[in-house]
């Protein structure tokens, strides 16, 4: 989901990459191969990003705790703000996360 958020505006800023790496280091005790993730994303047509994002969002929800989801949301907001601008597309994806998980934060 973070990789899609970093790509949805059509630009990948190195500050976004740092936030993704920080999240992975903080949350996963094992090494995650970002090259594999970029490969999957580069093969995915941009019009399929939202569906892929929703599938990943639902999978993450099922496999995470409320605390993990809250931490993820914080990193997702940091990510889209990293390049000092939040595009309409990035906002659409963030809203999707908040609306999907809003009952936990009401």
Protein backbone atom coordinates (compact mmCIF):
# COMPACT_ATOMS: atom_id res chain seq x y z
CA UNK A 1 0.00 0.00 0.00
CA UNK A 2 2.83 2.39 0.80
CA UNK A 3 4.46 1.69 -2.55
CA UNK A 4 1.22 2.51 -4.35
CA UNK A 5 0.82 5.70 -2.32
CA UNK A 6 4.34 6.71 -3.31
CA UNK A 7 3.65 6.10 -7.00
CA UNK A 8 0.05 7.26 -7.45
CA UNK A 9 1.04 10.89 -8.07
CA UNK A 10 3.36 9.80 -10.89
CA UNK A 11 6.52 10.78 -9.03
CA UNK A 12 8.66 8.84 -6.59
CA UNK A 13 10.51 11.18 -4.25
CA UNK A 14 13.50 9.84 -2.32
CA UNK A 15 11.97 11.20 0.91
CA UNK A 16 9.01 8.88 0.27
CA UNK A 17 11.39 5.95 -0.09
CA UNK A 18 12.98 6.79 3.25
CA UNK A 19 9.58 6.75 4.98
CA UNK A 20 8.78 3.35 3.47
CA UNK A 21 12.12 1.97 4.66
CA UNK A 22 11.59 3.47 8.14
CA UNK A 23 8.17 1.82 8.33
CA UNK A 24 9.49 -1.56 7.23
CA UNK A 25 12.37 -1.41 9.73
CA UNK A 26 10.04 -0.44 12.55
CA UNK A 27 7.32 -2.97 11.81
CA UNK A 28 8.97 -6.05 10.33
CA UNK A 29 11.72 -8.07 12.00
CA UNK A 30 12.66 -9.58 8.64
CA UNK A 31 14.02 -7.92 5.50
CA UNK A 32 11.43 -6.97 2.89
CA UNK A 33 12.68 -6.80 -0.68
CA UNK A 34 11.51 -3.47 -2.10
CA UNK A 35 12.84 -4.38 -5.53
CA UNK A 36 10.28 -7.18 -5.74
CA UNK A 37 7.52 -4.78 -4.75
CA UNK A 38 8.62 -2.23 -7.35
CA UNK A 39 8.67 -4.98 -9.97
CA UNK A 40 5.08 -5.98 -9.18
CA UNK A 41 3.99 -2.35 -9.23
CA UNK A 42 5.76 -1.55 -12.49
CA UNK A 43 3.95 -4.46 -14.17
CA UNK A 44 0.59 -3.31 -12.84
CA UNK A 45 -1.36 -0.92 -15.09
CA UNK A 46 -1.99 2.37 -13.31
CA UNK A 47 -5.75 1.92 -13.73
CA UNK A 48 -5.48 -1.21 -11.56
CA UNK A 49 -3.70 0.56 -8.67
CA UNK A 50 -6.90 1.32 -6.77
CA UNK A 51 -8.16 -2.28 -6.93
CA UNK A 52 -4.74 -3.61 -5.91
CA UNK A 53 -4.61 -1.05 -3.09
CA UNK A 54 -8.06 -2.10 -1.84
CA UNK A 55 -7.11 -5.76 -1.90
CA UNK A 56 -3.92 -5.04 0.06
CA UNK A 57 -5.86 -2.79 2.46
CA UNK A 58 -8.37 -5.57 3.18
CA UNK A 59 -5.61 -8.18 3.59
CA UNK A 60 -3.73 -5.88 5.96
CA UNK A 61 -6.90 -5.27 7.97
CA UNK A 62 -7.48 -8.99 8.45
CA UNK A 63 -3.87 -9.62 9.51
CA UNK A 64 -3.30 -6.60 11.76
CA UNK A 65 -4.28 -5.20 15.11
CA UNK A 66 -5.94 -1.82 15.63
CA UNK A 67 -2.57 -0.51 16.89
CA UNK A 68 -0.80 -1.71 13.72
CA UNK A 69 -3.46 -0.08 11.55
CA UNK A 70 -3.12 3.17 13.46
CA UNK A 71 0.66 3.09 13.00
CA UNK A 72 0.24 2.34 9.32
CA UNK A 73 -2.14 5.29 8.87
CA UNK A 74 0.41 7.58 10.52
CA UNK A 75 3.14 6.39 8.15
CA UNK A 76 0.79 6.69 5.16
CA UNK A 77 0.08 10.34 6.00
CA UNK A 78 3.82 11.01 6.49
CA UNK A 79 4.47 9.39 3.14
CA UNK A 80 2.08 11.50 1.11
CA UNK A 81 3.31 14.65 2.86
CA UNK A 82 7.00 13.79 2.33
CA UNK A 83 7.31 15.67 -0.96
CA UNK A 84 5.54 18.72 0.55
CA UNK A 85 2.35 18.28 -1.49
CA UNK A 86 -0.70 16.04 -1.31
CA UNK A 87 -2.21 15.40 -4.71
CA UNK A 88 -5.85 14.64 -5.39
CA UNK A 89 -4.94 11.03 -6.16
CA UNK A 90 -2.96 10.60 -2.94
CA UNK A 91 -5.84 12.11 -1.00
CA UNK A 92 -8.26 9.64 -2.63
CA UNK A 93 -6.19 6.69 -1.40
CA UNK A 94 -5.77 8.11 2.10
CA UNK A 95 -9.51 8.71 2.35
CA UNK A 96 -10.11 5.11 1.31
CA UNK A 97 -7.99 3.93 4.26
CA UNK A 98 -9.64 6.27 6.74
CA UNK A 99 -13.17 5.45 5.57
CA UNK A 100 -12.50 1.71 5.58
CA UNK A 101 -11.09 1.77 9.11
CA UNK A 102 -12.97 4.77 10.53
CA UNK A 103 -15.13 2.77 12.96
CA UNK A 104 -11.99 2.05 14.97
CA UNK A 105 -11.14 5.74 15.31
CA UNK A 106 -14.59 7.23 15.88
